[in-house]
Amino acid sequence: MSKIRPALWSALALVAAVFALGTGAARTEEPTMSIREGVLDEIEIKALILPKDSRVVVRPFDASRADLGTAEAGDNQKRVDAAKMMQRESPDMLADALVNTLELGGAFAGAKKTADAPGAKDLVVEGKIVMINPGSRAKRMTLVAAGKGKSGIGVEGTVKNAKGDVLATFRHTRHSGIGLAGGDYVKFLSDDTKDVGHDIAVFLKRWATGGDLHADAKK
Protein backbone atom coordinates (compact mmCIF):
# COMPACT_ATOMS: atom_id res chain seq x y z
CA MET A 1 0.00 0.00 0.00
CA SER A 2 3.07 2.22 0.05
CA LYS A 3 2.39 3.69 -3.40
CA ILE A 4 -1.15 4.93 -2.78
CA ARG A 5 -1.43 8.56 -3.82
CA PRO A 6 -3.35 11.13 -1.74
CA ALA A 7 -6.34 11.33 -4.12
CA LEU A 8 -6.74 7.55 -4.21
CA TRP A 9 -6.28 7.37 -0.44
CA SER A 10 -9.12 9.87 0.04
CA ALA A 11 -11.33 7.86 -2.31
CA LEU A 12 -10.68 4.71 -0.32
CA ALA A 13 -11.55 6.57 2.87
CA LEU A 14 -14.88 7.62 1.34
CA VAL A 15 -15.66 4.05 0.31
CA ALA A 16 -14.82 2.84 3.82
CA ALA A 17 -17.08 5.48 5.37
CA VAL A 18 -19.97 4.59 3.09
CA PHE A 19 -19.51 0.92 3.86
CA ALA A 20 -19.52 1.63 7.60
CA LEU A 21 -22.75 3.61 7.32
CA GLY A 22 -24.37 0.95 5.17
CA THR A 23 -23.54 -1.85 7.58
CA GLY A 24 -24.40 0.15 10.67
CA ALA A 25 -20.84 -0.14 11.98
CA ALA A 26 -20.23 2.32 14.79
CA ARG A 27 -16.58 2.88 13.91
CA THR A 28 -14.03 0.98 11.87
CA GLU A 29 -10.29 0.87 12.40
CA GLU A 30 -8.65 3.19 9.88
CA PRO A 31 -6.00 1.56 7.70
CA THR A 32 -2.41 2.75 7.86
CA MET A 33 -0.54 4.15 4.86
CA SER A 34 3.16 3.26 4.95
CA ILE A 35 5.67 5.37 3.04
CA ARG A 36 9.38 4.61 2.75
CA GLU A 37 12.12 6.89 1.42
CA GLY A 38 9.75 9.71 0.57
CA VAL A 39 9.53 13.14 2.14
CA LEU A 40 10.83 11.39 5.28
CA ASP A 41 12.66 8.06 5.59
CA GLU A 42 9.70 6.24 7.16
CA ILE A 43 6.11 7.38 7.71
CA GLU A 44 3.07 5.53 9.05
CA ILE A 45 -0.09 7.60 8.54
CA LYS A 46 -3.16 6.65 10.55
CA ALA A 47 -5.35 9.67 9.73
CA LEU A 48 -6.36 10.34 6.14
CA ILE A 49 -6.87 14.09 6.32
CA LEU A 50 -5.44 16.85 8.50
CA PRO A 51 -7.70 19.84 9.16
CA LYS A 52 -6.08 22.93 7.66
CA ASP A 53 -7.41 25.18 10.40
CA SER A 54 -5.37 23.34 13.03
CA ARG A 55 -2.29 24.84 14.62
CA VAL A 56 0.87 22.79 14.97
CA VAL A 57 2.40 22.68 18.44
CA VAL A 58 6.02 21.49 18.50
CA ARG A 59 7.61 19.97 21.58
CA PRO A 60 11.43 19.92 21.72
CA PHE A 61 12.53 16.35 21.03
CA ASP A 62 14.24 14.49 23.89
CA ALA A 63 17.94 13.89 23.13
CA SER A 64 18.99 12.57 26.54
CA ARG A 65 19.39 8.97 25.35
CA ALA A 66 20.68 9.58 21.86
CA ASP A 67 23.33 7.28 20.41
CA LEU A 68 26.40 9.50 20.11
CA GLY A 69 27.97 7.52 17.28
CA THR A 70 31.71 8.01 16.93
CA ALA A 71 31.75 10.01 20.18
CA GLU A 72 30.69 6.97 22.21
CA ALA A 73 34.23 5.57 22.30
CA GLY A 74 35.52 8.73 24.03
CA ASP A 75 38.83 8.61 22.18
CA ASN A 76 38.43 11.97 20.43
CA GLN A 77 37.60 14.90 22.69
CA LYS A 78 36.41 17.17 19.88
CA ARG A 79 33.84 14.59 18.84
CA VAL A 80 32.74 14.08 22.44
CA ASP A 81 32.42 17.82 23.07
CA ALA A 82 30.45 18.34 19.84
CA ALA A 83 28.09 15.45 20.56
CA LYS A 84 27.48 16.55 24.14
CA MET A 85 26.88 20.13 23.05
CA MET A 86 24.36 19.02 20.42
CA GLN A 87 22.69 16.75 22.95
CA ARG A 88 21.89 19.93 24.87
CA GLU A 89 21.11 22.24 21.97
CA SER A 90 19.63 20.06 19.21
CA PRO A 91 16.11 19.74 20.75
CA ASP A 92 15.46 23.50 20.53
CA MET A 93 17.40 23.82 17.28
CA LEU A 94 15.25 21.17 15.59
CA ALA A 95 11.99 22.61 16.94
CA ASP A 96 12.95 26.12 15.80
CA ALA A 97 13.81 24.90 12.30
CA LEU A 98 10.49 23.05 12.08
CA VAL A 99 8.46 26.05 13.22
CA ASN A 100 10.42 28.51 11.06
CA THR A 101 9.79 26.41 7.95
CA LEU A 102 6.06 26.21 8.67
CA GLU A 103 5.93 29.96 9.26
CA LEU A 104 7.12 30.58 5.70
CA GLY A 105 3.50 30.18 4.63
CA GLY A 106 0.87 27.69 3.61
CA ALA A 107 -0.62 25.14 5.97
CA PHE A 108 0.20 25.58 9.66
CA ALA A 109 1.79 29.02 9.34
CA GLY A 110 0.76 29.66 12.96
CA ALA A 111 2.97 26.90 14.34
CA LYS A 112 4.46 27.34 17.80
CA LYS A 113 7.16 25.76 19.93
CA THR A 114 5.71 25.36 23.40
CA ALA A 115 5.27 23.02 26.36
CA ASP A 116 1.78 24.42 27.05
CA ALA A 117 -1.27 22.20 26.83
CA PRO A 118 -2.61 22.03 23.26
CA GLY A 119 -5.84 23.70 22.17
CA ALA A 120 -8.79 21.62 21.03
CA LYS A 121 -7.77 21.76 17.35
CA ASP A 122 -4.00 21.64 17.82
CA LEU A 123 -1.72 18.99 16.37
CA VAL A 124 1.22 18.04 18.59
CA VAL A 125 4.56 17.06 17.05
CA GLU A 126 6.93 15.41 19.49
CA GLY A 127 9.54 12.68 19.65
CA LYS A 128 13.13 11.91 20.45
CA ILE A 129 16.51 12.38 18.87
CA VAL A 130 17.90 8.87 18.68
CA MET A 131 21.25 9.57 17.01
CA ILE A 132 23.80 12.39 17.23
CA ASN A 133 26.78 11.11 15.27
CA PRO A 134 29.74 13.48 14.70
CA GLY A 135 31.25 11.06 12.19
CA SER A 136 34.96 11.33 11.41
CA ARG A 137 36.79 14.36 10.01
CA ALA A 138 39.75 12.16 9.08
CA LYS A 139 37.60 9.87 6.94
CA ARG A 140 35.80 12.81 5.36
CA MET A 141 39.19 14.21 4.28
CA THR A 142 40.30 10.97 2.62
CA LEU A 143 39.24 10.59 -0.98
CA VAL A 144 39.47 6.79 -0.86
CA ALA A 145 36.93 6.87 1.95
CA ALA A 146 34.48 9.04 0.00
CA GLY A 147 31.04 8.74 1.53
CA LYS A 148 32.40 7.54 4.86
CA GLY A 149 32.80 9.50 8.06
CA LYS A 150 29.49 11.32 7.62
CA SER A 151 27.84 13.09 10.51
CA GLY A 152 24.19 12.36 11.18
CA ILE A 153 21.11 13.27 13.19
CA GLY A 154 18.33 10.70 13.52
CA VAL A 155 14.86 11.14 15.02
CA GLU A 156 11.69 9.23 15.80
CA GLY A 157 8.45 11.14 16.29
CA THR A 158 4.69 11.29 16.31
CA VAL A 159 1.92 13.62 15.26
CA LYS A 160 -1.02 13.55 17.68
CA ASN A 161 -4.28 15.41 18.05
CA ALA A 162 -5.16 17.30 21.22
CA LYS A 163 -6.73 14.16 22.70
CA GLY A 164 -3.44 12.27 22.34
CA ASP A 165 -4.55 10.05 19.46
CA VAL A 166 -1.61 9.16 17.20
CA LEU A 167 -2.24 10.39 13.66
CA ALA A 168 1.20 9.52 12.29
CA THR A 169 4.59 8.18 13.29
CA PHE A 170 7.86 8.88 11.50
CA ARG A 171 11.59 8.21 11.43
CA HIS A 172 14.13 10.38 9.65
CA THR A 173 17.90 10.93 9.40
CA ARG A 174 19.99 13.57 7.69
CA HIS A 175 23.74 13.40 7.04
CA SER A 176 26.60 15.74 6.09
CA GLY A 177 29.80 14.53 4.53
CA ILE A 178 31.59 17.28 2.62
CA GLY A 179 33.46 20.20 4.17
CA LEU A 180 36.76 22.08 4.09
CA ALA A 181 39.44 19.99 5.85
CA GLY A 182 36.77 17.45 6.81
CA GLY A 183 34.37 20.07 8.16
CA ASP A 184 33.52 21.18 11.67
CA TYR A 185 31.71 18.69 13.91
CA VAL A 186 29.29 21.19 15.44
CA LYS A 187 28.58 22.88 12.09
CA PHE A 188 27.79 19.57 10.43
CA LEU A 189 25.56 18.38 13.27
CA SER A 190 23.78 21.74 13.41
CA ASP A 191 23.08 21.63 9.68
CA ASP A 192 21.80 18.04 9.98
CA THR A 193 19.50 19.03 12.85
CA LYS A 194 18.03 21.98 10.97
CA ASP A 195 17.57 19.82 7.86
CA VAL A 196 15.58 17.27 9.88
CA GLY A 197 13.33 20.03 11.25
CA HIS A 198 12.82 21.42 7.76
CA ASP A 199 11.91 18.02 6.33
CA ILE A 200 9.35 17.30 9.06
CA ALA A 201 7.71 20.66 8.29
CA VAL A 202 7.56 19.83 4.58
CA PHE A 203 5.93 16.50 5.45
CA LEU A 204 3.23 18.25 7.51
CA LYS A 205 2.52 20.80 4.78
CA ARG A 206 2.19 18.16 2.07
CA TRP A 207 0.04 15.93 4.27
CA ALA A 208 -2.37 18.79 5.00
CA THR A 209 -2.67 19.87 1.35
CA GLY A 210 -2.69 16.48 -0.38
CA GLY A 211 0.86 16.89 -1.67
CA ASP A 212 3.17 14.10 -2.74
CA LEU A 213 4.57 12.36 0.34
CA HIS A 214 6.63 10.03 -1.84
CA ALA A 215 8.86 12.83 -3.18
CA ASP A 216 12.03 13.98 -1.41
CA ALA A 217 11.61 17.03 0.82
CA LYS A 218 14.10 18.95 -1.34
CA LYS A 219 11.84 18.73 -4.41
C-alpha atoms as a PDB file:
ATOM      1  CA  MET A   1       0.000   0.000   0.000  1.00  0.00           C
ATOM      2  CA  SER A   2       3.068   2.225   0.051  1.00  0.00           C
ATOM      3  CA  LYS A   3       2.393   3.692  -3.400  1.00  0.00           C
ATOM      4  CA  ILE A   4      -1.149   4.928  -2.782  1.00  0.00           C
ATOM      5  CA  ARG A   5      -1.426   8.565  -3.817  1.00  0.00           C
ATOM      6  CA  PRO A   6      -3.350  11.133  -1.744  1.00  0.00           C
ATOM      7  CA  ALA A   7      -6.342  11.326  -4.123  1.00  0.00           C
ATOM      8  CA  LEU A   8      -6.744   7.551  -4.208  1.00  0.00           C
ATOM      9  CA  TRP A   9      -6.283   7.375  -0.443  1.00  0.00           C
ATOM     10  CA  SER A  10      -9.125   9.871   0.043  1.00  0.00           C
ATOM     11  CA  ALA A  11     -11.330   7.865  -2.309  1.00  0.00           C
ATOM     12  CA  LEU A  12     -10.675   4.705  -0.320  1.00  0.00           C
ATOM     13  CA  ALA A  13     -11.550   6.571   2.869  1.00  0.00           C
ATOM     14  CA  LEU A  14     -14.878   7.620   1.345  1.00  0.00           C
ATOM     15  CA  VAL A  15     -15.655   4.048   0.309  1.00  0.00           C
ATOM     16  CA  ALA A  16     -14.816   2.840   3.822  1.00  0.00           C
ATOM     17  CA  ALA A  17     -17.076   5.482   5.366  1.00  0.00           C
ATOM     18  CA  VAL A  18     -19.974   4.591   3.086  1.00  0.00           C
ATOM     19  CA  PHE A  19     -19.509   0.923   3.863  1.00  0.00           C
ATOM     20  CA  ALA A  20     -19.521   1.631   7.598  1.00  0.00           C
ATOM     21  CA  LEU A  21     -22.746   3.606   7.318  1.00  0.00           C
ATOM     22  CA  GLY A  22     -24.369   0.953   5.175  1.00  0.00           C
ATOM     23  CA  THR A  23     -23.537  -1.848   7.578  1.00  0.00           C
ATOM     24  CA  GLY A  24     -24.401   0.154  10.670  1.00  0.00           C
ATOM     25  CA  ALA A  25     -20.844  -0.141  11.978  1.00  0.00           C
ATOM     26  CA  ALA A  26     -20.234   2.321  14.788  1.00  0.00           C
ATOM     27  CA  ARG A  27     -16.578   2.876  13.909  1.00  0.00           C
ATOM     28  CA  THR A  28     -14.026   0.984  11.873  1.00  0.00           C
ATOM     29  CA  GLU A  29     -10.292   0.873  12.404  1.00  0.00           C
ATOM     30  CA  GLU A  30      -8.654   3.187   9.884  1.00  0.00           C
ATOM     31  CA  PRO A  31      -6.004   1.556   7.701  1.00  0.00           C
ATOM     32  CA  THR A  32      -2.414   2.747   7.858  1.00  0.00           C
ATOM     33  CA  MET A  33      -0.536   4.149   4.862  1.00  0.00           C
ATOM     34  CA  SER A  34       3.161   3.259   4.951  1.00  0.00           C
ATOM     35  CA  ILE A  35       5.671   5.372   3.042  1.00  0.00           C
ATOM     36  CA  ARG A  36       9.378   4.610   2.752  1.00  0.00           C
ATOM     37  CA  GLU A  37      12.119   6.890   1.424  1.00  0.00           C
ATOM     38  CA  GLY A  38       9.746   9.707   0.569  1.00  0.00           C
ATOM     39  CA  VAL A  39       9.528  13.139   2.137  1.00  0.00           C
ATOM     40  CA  LEU A  40      10.834  11.392   5.283  1.00  0.00           C
ATOM     41  CA  ASP A  41      12.655   8.064   5.592  1.00  0.00           C
ATOM     42  CA  GLU A  42       9.704   6.236   7.161  1.00  0.00           C
ATOM     43  CA  ILE A  43       6.111   7.383   7.715  1.00  0.00           C
ATOM     44  CA  GLU A  44       3.066   5.534   9.046  1.00  0.00           C
ATOM     45  CA  ILE A  45      -0.090   7.604   8.538  1.00  0.00           C
ATOM     46  CA  LYS A  46      -3.157   6.648  10.548  1.00  0.00           C
ATOM     47  CA  ALA A  47      -5.346   9.672   9.726  1.00  0.00           C
ATOM     48  CA  LEU A  48      -6.357  10.335   6.143  1.00  0.00           C
ATOM     49  CA  ILE A  49      -6.867  14.087   6.321  1.00  0.00           C
ATOM     50  CA  LEU A  50      -5.440  16.845   8.501  1.00  0.00           C
ATOM     51  CA  PRO A  51      -7.704  19.843   9.160  1.00  0.00           C
ATOM     52  CA  LYS A  52      -6.081  22.931   7.656  1.00  0.00           C
ATOM     53  CA  ASP A  53      -7.410  25.185  10.399  1.00  0.00           C
ATOM     54  CA  SER A  54      -5.369  23.342  13.030  1.00  0.00           C
ATOM     55  CA  ARG A  55      -2.287  24.843  14.625  1.00  0.00           C
ATOM     56  CA  VAL A  56       0.874  22.788  14.972  1.00  0.00           C
ATOM     57  CA  VAL A  57       2.399  22.679  18.442  1.00  0.00           C
ATOM     58  CA  VAL A  58       6.019  21.489  18.496  1.00  0.00           C
ATOM     59  CA  ARG A  59       7.611  19.971  21.584  1.00  0.00           C
ATOM     60  CA  PRO A  60      11.434  19.924  21.715  1.00  0.00           C
ATOM     61  CA  PHE A  61      12.531  16.351  21.026  1.00  0.00           C
ATOM     62  CA  ASP A  62      14.244  14.486  23.886  1.00  0.00           C
ATOM     63  CA  ALA A  63      17.937  13.886  23.131  1.00  0.00           C
ATOM     64  CA  SER A  64      18.987  12.566  26.535  1.00  0.00           C
ATOM     65  CA  ARG A  65      19.387   8.971  25.353  1.00  0.00           C
ATOM     66  CA  ALA A  66      20.680   9.576  21.857  1.00  0.00           C
ATOM     67  CA  ASP A  67      23.325   7.280  20.411  1.00  0.00           C
ATOM     68  CA  LEU A  68      26.403   9.505  20.110  1.00  0.00           C
ATOM     69  CA  GLY A  69      27.967   7.525  17.278  1.00  0.00           C
ATOM     70  CA  THR A  70      31.714   8.007  16.927  1.00  0.00           C
ATOM     71  CA  ALA A  71      31.751  10.011  20.180  1.00  0.00           C
ATOM     72  CA  GLU A  72      30.688   6.974  22.210  1.00  0.00           C
ATOM     73  CA  ALA A  73      34.231   5.573  22.300  1.00  0.00           C
ATOM     74  CA  GLY A  74      35.517   8.728  24.028  1.00  0.00           C
ATOM     75  CA  ASP A  75      38.833   8.615  22.180  1.00  0.00           C
ATOM     76  CA  ASN A  76      38.432  11.971  20.428  1.00  0.00           C
ATOM     77  CA  GLN A  77      37.598  14.897  22.690  1.00  0.00           C
ATOM     78  CA  LYS A  78      36.410  17.173  19.875  1.00  0.00           C
ATOM     79  CA  ARG A  79      33.840  14.587  18.840  1.00  0.00           C
ATOM     80  CA  VAL A  80      32.741  14.076  22.436  1.00  0.00           C
ATOM     81  CA  ASP A  81      32.421  17.815  23.066  1.00  0.00           C
ATOM     82  CA  ALA A  82      30.454  18.336  19.843  1.00  0.00           C
ATOM     83  CA  ALA A  83      28.087  15.450  20.560  1.00  0.00           C
ATOM     84  CA  LYS A  84      27.476  16.554  24.142  1.00  0.00           C
ATOM     85  CA  MET A  85      26.879  20.129  23.045  1.00  0.00           C
ATOM     86  CA  MET A  86      24.361  19.016  20.423  1.00  0.00           C
ATOM     87  CA  GLN A  87      22.687  16.746  22.947  1.00  0.00           C
ATOM     88  CA  ARG A  88      21.890  19.934  24.873  1.00  0.00           C
ATOM     89  CA  GLU A  89      21.110  22.242  21.974  1.00  0.00           C
ATOM     90  CA  SER A  90      19.631  20.056  19.212  1.00  0.00           C
ATOM     91  CA  PRO A  91      16.111  19.743  20.747  1.00  0.00           C
ATOM     92  CA  ASP A  92      15.459  23.502  20.535  1.00  0.00           C
ATOM     93  CA  MET A  93      17.401  23.816  17.281  1.00  0.00           C
ATOM     94  CA  LEU A  94      15.248  21.168  15.594  1.00  0.00           C
ATOM     95  CA  ALA A  95      11.990  22.610  16.940  1.00  0.00           C
ATOM     96  CA  ASP A  96      12.949  26.120  15.804  1.00  0.00           C
ATOM     97  CA  ALA A  97      13.810  24.896  12.297  1.00  0.00           C
ATOM     98  CA  LEU A  98      10.493  23.046  12.081  1.00  0.00           C
ATOM     99  CA  VAL A  99       8.456  26.048  13.221  1.00  0.00           C
ATOM    100  CA  ASN A 100      10.424  28.506  11.065  1.00  0.00           C
ATOM    101  CA  THR A 101       9.794  26.411   7.949  1.00  0.00           C
ATOM    102  CA  LEU A 102       6.063  26.213   8.674  1.00  0.00           C
ATOM    103  CA  GLU A 103       5.933  29.965   9.259  1.00  0.00           C
ATOM    104  CA  LEU A 104       7.121  30.585   5.699  1.00  0.00           C
ATOM    105  CA  GLY A 105       3.500  30.178   4.627  1.00  0.00           C
ATOM    106  CA  GLY A 106       0.867  27.693   3.613  1.00  0.00           C
ATOM    107  CA  ALA A 107      -0.625  25.140   5.971  1.00  0.00           C
ATOM    108  CA  PHE A 108       0.201  25.582   9.659  1.00  0.00           C
ATOM    109  CA  ALA A 109       1.788  29.025   9.342  1.00  0.00           C
ATOM    110  CA  GLY A 110       0.762  29.664  12.964  1.00  0.00           C
ATOM    111  CA  ALA A 111       2.970  26.897  14.344  1.00  0.00           C
ATOM    112  CA  LYS A 112       4.456  27.344  17.797  1.00  0.00           C
ATOM    113  CA  LYS A 113       7.160  25.757  19.935  1.00  0.00           C
ATOM    114  CA  THR A 114       5.712  25.356  23.404  1.00  0.00           C
ATOM    115  CA  ALA A 115       5.271  23.023  26.356  1.00  0.00           C
ATOM    116  CA  ASP A 116       1.784  24.421  27.045  1.00  0.00           C
ATOM    117  CA  ALA A 117      -1.272  22.203  26.831  1.00  0.00           C
ATOM    118  CA  PRO A 118      -2.608  22.034  23.255  1.00  0.00           C
ATOM    119  CA  GLY A 119      -5.843  23.703  22.172  1.00  0.00           C
ATOM    120  CA  ALA A 120      -8.787  21.623  21.035  1.00  0.00           C
ATOM    121  CA  LYS A 121      -7.773  21.758  17.345  1.00  0.00           C
ATOM    122  CA  ASP A 122      -4.001  21.643  17.818  1.00  0.00           C
ATOM    123  CA  LEU A 123      -1.722  18.992  16.369  1.00  0.00           C
ATOM    124  CA  VAL A 124       1.215  18.036  18.586  1.00  0.00           C
ATOM    125  CA  VAL A 125       4.557  17.059  17.046  1.00  0.00           C
ATOM    126  CA  GLU A 126       6.933  15.415  19.494  1.00  0.00           C
ATOM    127  CA  GLY A 127       9.539  12.677  19.646  1.00  0.00           C
ATOM    128  CA  LYS A 128      13.128  11.909  20.454  1.00  0.00           C
ATOM    129  CA  ILE A 129      16.509  12.381  18.865  1.00  0.00           C
ATOM    130  CA  VAL A 130      17.902   8.867  18.676  1.00  0.00           C
ATOM    131  CA  MET A 131      21.254   9.574  17.008  1.00  0.00           C
ATOM    132  CA  ILE A 132      23.803  12.386  17.228  1.00  0.00           C
ATOM    133  CA  ASN A 133      26.785  11.108  15.270  1.00  0.00           C
ATOM    134  CA  PRO A 134      29.745  13.477  14.702  1.00  0.00           C
ATOM    135  CA  GLY A 135      31.246  11.064  12.187  1.00  0.00           C
ATOM    136  CA  SER A 136      34.955  11.331  11.414  1.00  0.00           C
ATOM    137  CA  ARG A 137      36.791  14.358  10.015  1.00  0.00           C
ATOM    138  CA  ALA A 138      39.751  12.157   9.077  1.00  0.00           C
ATOM    139  CA  LYS A 139      37.596   9.868   6.937  1.00  0.00           C
ATOM    140  CA  ARG A 140      35.800  12.807   5.356  1.00  0.00           C
ATOM    141  CA  MET A 141      39.188  14.210   4.282  1.00  0.00           C
ATOM    142  CA  THR A 142      40.299  10.967   2.618  1.00  0.00           C
ATOM    143  CA  LEU A 143      39.242  10.590  -0.984  1.00  0.00           C
ATOM    144  CA  VAL A 144      39.471   6.792  -0.863  1.00  0.00           C
ATOM    145  CA  ALA A 145      36.926   6.875   1.951  1.00  0.00           C
ATOM    146  CA  ALA A 146      34.481   9.035   0.001  1.00  0.00           C
ATOM    147  CA  GLY A 147      31.042   8.740   1.533  1.00  0.00           C
ATOM    148  CA  LYS A 148      32.401   7.542   4.860  1.00  0.00           C
ATOM    149  CA  GLY A 149      32.803   9.499   8.064  1.00  0.00           C
ATOM    150  CA  LYS A 150      29.487  11.324   7.617  1.00  0.00           C
ATOM    151  CA  SER A 151      27.843  13.088  10.510  1.00  0.00           C
ATOM    152  CA  GLY A 152      24.194  12.355  11.176  1.00  0.00           C
ATOM    153  CA  ILE A 153      21.114  13.273  13.191  1.00  0.00           C
ATOM    154  CA  GLY A 154      18.333  10.699  13.520  1.00  0.00           C
ATOM    155  CA  VAL A 155      14.863  11.141  15.021  1.00  0.00           C
ATOM    156  CA  GLU A 156      11.689   9.235  15.798  1.00  0.00           C
ATOM    157  CA  GLY A 157       8.450  11.139  16.295  1.00  0.00           C
ATOM    158  CA  THR A 158       4.686  11.295  16.313  1.00  0.00           C
ATOM    159  CA  VAL A 159       1.922  13.621  15.258  1.00  0.00           C
ATOM    160  CA  LYS A 160      -1.022  13.549  17.684  1.00  0.00           C
ATOM    161  CA  ASN A 161      -4.284  15.409  18.052  1.00  0.00           C
ATOM    162  CA  ALA A 162      -5.160  17.301  21.221  1.00  0.00           C
ATOM    163  CA  LYS A 163      -6.730  14.160  22.704  1.00  0.00           C
ATOM    164  CA  GLY A 164      -3.442  12.273  22.345  1.00  0.00           C
ATOM    165  CA  ASP A 165      -4.552  10.050  19.462  1.00  0.00           C
ATOM    166  CA  VAL A 166      -1.609   9.162  17.203  1.00  0.00           C
ATOM    167  CA  LEU A 167      -2.238  10.391  13.661  1.00  0.00           C
ATOM    168  CA  ALA A 168       1.195   9.515  12.292  1.00  0.00           C
ATOM    169  CA  THR A 169       4.592   8.180  13.285  1.00  0.00           C
ATOM    170  CA  PHE A 170       7.863   8.876  11.496  1.00  0.00           C
ATOM    171  CA  ARG A 171      11.594   8.212  11.426  1.00  0.00           C
ATOM    172  CA  HIS A 172      14.133  10.376   9.655  1.00  0.00           C
ATOM    173  CA  THR A 173      17.896  10.926   9.399  1.00  0.00           C
ATOM    174  CA  ARG A 174      19.986  13.574   7.690  1.00  0.00           C
ATOM    175  CA  HIS A 175      23.742  13.400   7.043  1.00  0.00           C
ATOM    176  CA  SER A 176      26.597  15.741   6.088  1.00  0.00           C
ATOM    177  CA  GLY A 177      29.801  14.528   4.528  1.00  0.00           C
ATOM    178  CA  ILE A 178      31.595  17.283   2.622  1.00  0.00           C
ATOM    179  CA  GLY A 179      33.461  20.199   4.171  1.00  0.00           C
ATOM    180  CA  LEU A 180      36.764  22.076   4.086  1.00  0.00           C
ATOM    181  CA  ALA A 181      39.441  19.987   5.854  1.00  0.00           C
ATOM    182  CA  GLY A 182      36.773  17.454   6.808  1.00  0.00           C
ATOM    183  CA  GLY A 183      34.373  20.068   8.161  1.00  0.00           C
ATOM    184  CA  ASP A 184      33.522  21.183  11.673  1.00  0.00           C
ATOM    185  CA  TYR A 185      31.714  18.694  13.908  1.00  0.00           C
ATOM    186  CA  VAL A 186      29.291  21.194  15.444  1.00  0.00           C
ATOM    187  CA  LYS A 187      28.583  22.882  12.093  1.00  0.00           C
ATOM    188  CA  PHE A 188      27.790  19.567  10.426  1.00  0.00           C
ATOM    189  CA  LEU A 189      25.562  18.379  13.265  1.00  0.00           C
ATOM    190  CA  SER A 190      23.781  21.739  13.413  1.00  0.00           C
ATOM    191  CA  ASP A 191      23.082  21.626   9.681  1.00  0.00           C
ATOM    192  CA  ASP A 192      21.797  18.043   9.982  1.00  0.00           C
ATOM    193  CA  THR A 193      19.501  19.028  12.852  1.00  0.00           C
ATOM    194  CA  LYS A 194      18.028  21.981  10.971  1.00  0.00           C
ATOM    195  CA  ASP A 195      17.567  19.822   7.860  1.00  0.00           C
ATOM    196  CA  VAL A 196      15.576  17.272   9.877  1.00  0.00           C
ATOM    197  CA  GLY A 197      13.329  20.026  11.251  1.00  0.00           C
ATOM    198  CA  HIS A 198      12.817  21.422   7.759  1.00  0.00           C
ATOM    199  CA  ASP A 199      11.910  18.018   6.329  1.00  0.00           C
ATOM    200  CA  ILE A 200       9.348  17.297   9.056  1.00  0.00           C
ATOM    201  CA  ALA A 201       7.707  20.656   8.293  1.00  0.00           C
ATOM    202  CA  VAL A 202       7.558  19.832   4.577  1.00  0.00           C
ATOM    203  CA  PHE A 203       5.930  16.499   5.447  1.00  0.00           C
ATOM    204  CA  LEU A 204       3.234  18.255   7.511  1.00  0.00           C
ATOM    205  CA  LYS A 205       2.516  20.799   4.780  1.00  0.00           C
ATOM    206  CA  ARG A 206       2.189  18.161   2.073  1.00  0.00           C
ATOM    207  CA  TRP A 207       0.044  15.932   4.266  1.00  0.00           C
ATOM    208  CA  ALA A 208      -2.372  18.785   5.000  1.00  0.00           C
ATOM    209  CA  THR A 209      -2.666  19.871   1.355  1.00  0.00           C
ATOM    210  CA  GLY A 210      -2.695  16.480  -0.379  1.00  0.00           C
ATOM    211  CA  GLY A 211       0.859  16.894  -1.670  1.00  0.00           C
ATOM    212  CA  ASP A 212       3.174  14.095  -2.744  1.00  0.00           C
ATOM    213  CA  LEU A 213       4.571  12.362   0.341  1.00  0.00           C
ATOM    214  CA  HIS A 214       6.635  10.035  -1.838  1.00  0.00           C
ATOM    215  CA  ALA A 215       8.862  12.828  -3.176  1.00  0.00           C
ATOM    216  CA  ASP A 216      12.031  13.976  -1.414  1.00  0.00           C
ATOM    217  CA  ALA A 217      11.607  17.034   0.822  1.00  0.00           C
ATOM    218  CA  LYS A 218      14.101  18.946  -1.338  1.00  0.00           C
ATOM    219  CA  LYS A 219      11.843  18.729  -4.406  1.00  0.00           C
END
